[in-house]
Amino acid sequence: MDIRRIESGKRDFLPLLLLGDEQEDMIDRYLERGTMYVLEDGEVKAECVVAAEGDGVLELKNIAVEPGFQGKGYGKALVDFLIRTYAGQYMLLQVGTGDSPSTIPFYESCGFCRHHLVKNFFTDHYDHPIYECGVKLVDMVYLQREL
């Protein structure tokens, strides 16, 4: 397994990015200012994008694992990599996600704790309803963990 930083051609990974954030113009808000990493295990299995948000906060803007390889530890390996890579550079690693039964437990298993909520984020910022595990996403849940 190898994790490498992507310096150019980030949009080449758009199909995988769209698994983590299904509206392209939302991805455009952070893609170029963010730092992208891909995890390869024979081929690309997962990716993530992080961006500095000020006040010692690094935000995980997007993380996605190829559907056939979900649940095999690739997402956790990326989060662990970020923790090791950015420890000492930032105080907190933060992630915003929908209140979904698949994502919240994943982040909690990686040591994140619920921090705050942004009401109506998905209904106000997306041009179509977003569903995850049959749940319509409305509010953005922010979770944080110390680095």
Foldseek 3Di string as FASTA:
>chain_A
DDKDKDDDPQCVCVVQQCVFPVDVVLCVVCVVQWIKMFDDDPHTFKMWTWHDDDPQEIETEGIGGPVVCPPVCPRLVVLVVCCVVCAVVGFKYKYKDFPDPVPPVVVVVSVWDWDDKAFQPCVVPDPDFDDDPNRTGGMITMIMHTD
